Each structure stands twice: as structure tokens, then as C-alpha cells.
Protein backbone atom coordinates (compact mmCIF):
# COMPACT_ATOMS: atom_id res chain seq x y z
CA MET A 1 0.06 0.02 -0.05
CA PHE A 2 1.05 3.49 -0.39
CA PRO A 3 3.34 4.85 2.46
CA LEU A 4 1.41 6.95 4.97
CA GLU A 5 2.98 9.98 4.47
CA ILE A 6 2.41 10.64 0.61
CA ARG A 7 0.87 13.73 -0.82
CA ILE A 8 -2.43 12.76 -2.11
CA LEU A 9 -4.54 15.41 -4.73
CA VAL A 10 -8.21 14.91 -4.44
CA ALA A 11 -9.68 17.06 -7.56
CA ASP A 12 -13.45 17.20 -7.30
CA ASP A 13 -16.25 19.90 -7.63
CA MET A 14 -18.29 19.03 -5.35
CA PRO A 15 -16.93 19.90 -1.64
CA THR A 16 -19.40 16.92 -0.09
CA ILE A 17 -17.52 14.18 -2.40
CA ARG A 18 -14.04 15.82 -1.89
CA ASP A 19 -15.41 15.16 2.09
CA LEU A 20 -16.06 11.82 1.27
CA VAL A 21 -12.84 10.56 -0.51
CA LYS A 22 -10.78 12.37 2.40
CA THR A 23 -12.59 10.28 5.09
CA ALA A 24 -11.97 7.26 3.74
CA LEU A 25 -7.81 8.25 2.59
CA LYS A 26 -7.94 9.73 6.37
CA GLY A 27 -9.25 5.90 7.65
CA MET A 28 -6.81 4.59 5.98
CA GLY A 29 -3.92 6.05 7.86
CA TYR A 30 -3.39 9.25 5.17
CA LYS A 31 -3.06 12.92 6.13
CA ASN A 32 -1.58 14.59 3.03
CA ILE A 33 -4.85 15.40 1.57
CA ILE A 34 -5.31 18.45 -0.81
CA GLU A 35 -8.01 19.59 -2.62
CA ALA A 36 -8.75 21.09 -5.82
CA ALA A 37 -12.39 22.30 -6.61
CA ASP A 38 -11.44 21.52 -10.63
CA GLY A 39 -8.94 20.70 -13.11
CA GLU A 40 -7.53 24.09 -13.50
CA GLN A 41 -7.12 24.41 -10.10
CA ALA A 42 -5.57 20.52 -10.11
CA VAL A 43 -2.95 21.37 -12.76
CA THR A 44 -1.93 24.71 -10.31
CA ILE A 45 -1.49 22.79 -7.32
CA LEU A 46 0.54 19.86 -9.28
CA THR A 47 2.65 22.22 -10.94
CA LYS A 48 3.33 23.96 -7.86
CA SER A 49 3.96 20.86 -5.99
CA LEU A 50 6.91 19.97 -8.27
CA THR A 51 9.06 23.43 -7.53
CA SER A 52 7.88 23.47 -4.53
CA GLY A 53 10.09 20.03 -3.37
CA ALA A 54 7.16 18.24 -1.63
CA PRO A 55 5.22 16.92 -4.96
CA ILE A 56 1.96 15.38 -5.13
CA GLU A 57 2.45 11.50 -5.56
CA LEU A 58 -1.27 10.33 -6.00
CA VAL A 59 -4.09 12.30 -7.80
CA ILE A 60 -8.10 11.13 -7.36
CA SER A 61 -9.78 12.49 -9.50
CA ASP A 62 -13.72 12.84 -9.98
CA TRP A 63 -14.21 12.82 -13.93
CA ASN A 64 -16.88 15.76 -14.48
CA MET A 65 -15.80 18.87 -13.26
CA PRO A 66 -16.00 22.53 -14.69
CA LYS A 67 -12.89 24.32 -16.63
CA MET A 68 -11.23 20.84 -17.47
CA THR A 69 -12.75 17.51 -17.13
CA GLY A 70 -10.75 14.76 -14.84
CA LEU A 71 -10.02 13.34 -18.39
CA GLU A 72 -8.52 16.42 -19.15
CA LEU A 73 -6.31 16.37 -16.27
CA LEU A 74 -5.18 12.54 -17.04
CA LYS A 75 -4.45 13.68 -20.35
CA TYR A 76 -2.89 16.56 -19.02
CA VAL A 77 -0.42 14.41 -16.45
CA ARG A 78 0.49 11.77 -18.42
CA SER A 79 1.78 14.34 -21.06
CA SER A 80 3.88 15.72 -19.00
CA SER A 81 7.35 14.51 -18.42
CA GLU A 82 7.88 15.47 -14.42
CA LEU A 83 4.47 14.02 -13.83
CA GLN A 84 3.73 11.12 -16.48
CA LYS A 85 4.52 8.05 -13.73
CA LEU A 86 2.20 9.63 -10.92
CA PRO A 87 -0.80 7.30 -10.15
CA PHE A 88 -3.68 8.72 -11.24
CA VAL A 89 -7.34 7.01 -10.26
CA LEU A 90 -10.54 8.15 -11.70
CA LEU A 91 -14.04 8.41 -9.46
CA THR A 92 -16.58 9.31 -10.83
CA SER A 93 -20.78 8.23 -11.86
CA GLU A 94 -19.23 7.47 -15.40
CA SER A 95 -19.50 4.04 -16.70
CA GLU A 96 -19.95 3.67 -20.73
CA ARG A 97 -17.74 1.31 -21.73
CA ASP A 98 -16.62 3.44 -24.18
CA GLN A 99 -15.41 6.36 -21.37
CA VAL A 100 -14.01 3.93 -19.17
CA THR A 101 -11.98 2.47 -22.51
CA GLU A 102 -10.88 5.95 -23.28
CA ALA A 103 -9.82 7.07 -19.44
CA VAL A 104 -7.91 2.91 -20.32
CA LEU A 105 -6.71 4.00 -22.95
CA SER A 106 -5.00 7.84 -21.53
CA GLY A 107 -3.47 5.86 -18.87
CA VAL A 108 -5.51 5.81 -16.12
CA SER A 109 -4.21 3.74 -13.00
CA GLN A 110 -7.76 3.05 -11.59
CA TYR A 111 -11.05 3.53 -12.25
CA ILE A 112 -13.81 3.79 -9.77
CA VAL A 113 -17.87 4.32 -10.21
CA LYS A 114 -19.12 5.99 -6.99
CA PRO A 115 -21.29 5.38 -5.41
CA PHE A 116 -18.03 3.66 -3.57
CA ALA A 117 -17.50 1.43 -0.64
CA ALA A 118 -14.31 2.57 1.57
CA LYS A 119 -13.52 -0.99 1.64
CA MET A 120 -13.66 -1.32 -2.28
CA PHE A 121 -11.53 1.80 -2.61
CA GLU A 122 -9.30 0.71 -0.42
CA GLU A 123 -9.14 -2.75 -2.00
CA LYS A 124 -8.64 -0.34 -5.52
CA LEU A 125 -5.53 1.85 -3.64
CA LYS A 126 -3.75 -1.29 -2.85
CA GLY A 127 -4.29 -2.56 -6.62
CA VAL A 128 -2.89 1.08 -7.85
CA TRP A 129 0.12 0.55 -5.83
CA ALA A 130 0.73 -2.93 -6.67
CA LYS A 131 0.63 -1.86 -10.73
CA HIS A 132 2.76 1.45 -9.64
CA SER A 133 4.83 -0.01 -7.48
CA ALA A 134 5.90 -2.74 -10.07
CA LYS A 135 7.12 -0.43 -12.22
CA THR A 136 9.57 2.06 -10.58
């Protein structure tokens, strides 16, 4: 599983969903959780984190957000030489096969459909860690 001290970015335009995700993460022992209200704010946070010497180490993003969708954020991350290996989880109510396929082809680490149970969320994160740590 991810080390408990990692810096996690949670991007979602719904404060209640950000709170649910933070609660689930805190329940697993994570404390370094940063929030973004949309994809553009997430890009700003990711960019600043690189120059601050305390980079974001996991992104959990909603798909449907104003200004920049989670899929657009994912594509931005994967196109960045500094961020391309960053574990990225899309959290969404979208479950259409074409959308799942597009997310997978864009390099998503995991795809979680809302609503989700805390145990399932934890299992998916364990899978992301296993996949990510095998590559490094």
C-alpha cells in the first residue's frame, strides 16, 4: 500500500464528494491530502508541488468537473515528462464502456465508479500501488 506520508491530491467540484474521499483516505491513515475544486486548480497545485520540492504522489480525480474534466487532467498529467508516472485514479459516476476504454487508453491507473464502499476504495488503491510499485 502507498506509504501513509504521501501527498494526495483530491480533485472534485463537489465539496461533499471531496469530504467523502478525504474521510476514506484518513480512515486508511493518510494525512497529507490536498484539495482542488476543478481540473485547472489541480494543474496549478500539481505544478506548484513540483517546484516546492514536495510533489503530489497520487491523484484522485472526478471525471465531470467544470473548466477541465478529470479525463483532460489525466491527459495533461500523462503528457508531462515530470508527472507522467504519477498514479492517477478517476472517480466517477460514468460507467459507459466507451468512457472506461478512453480512460484506460489515456493511462488511468484505476477507475472507480461512484458510489463506492470504503473497503472497495481501499482495495482499488492497493491495486494502484501494486501496479505503480512494479514499474519503479
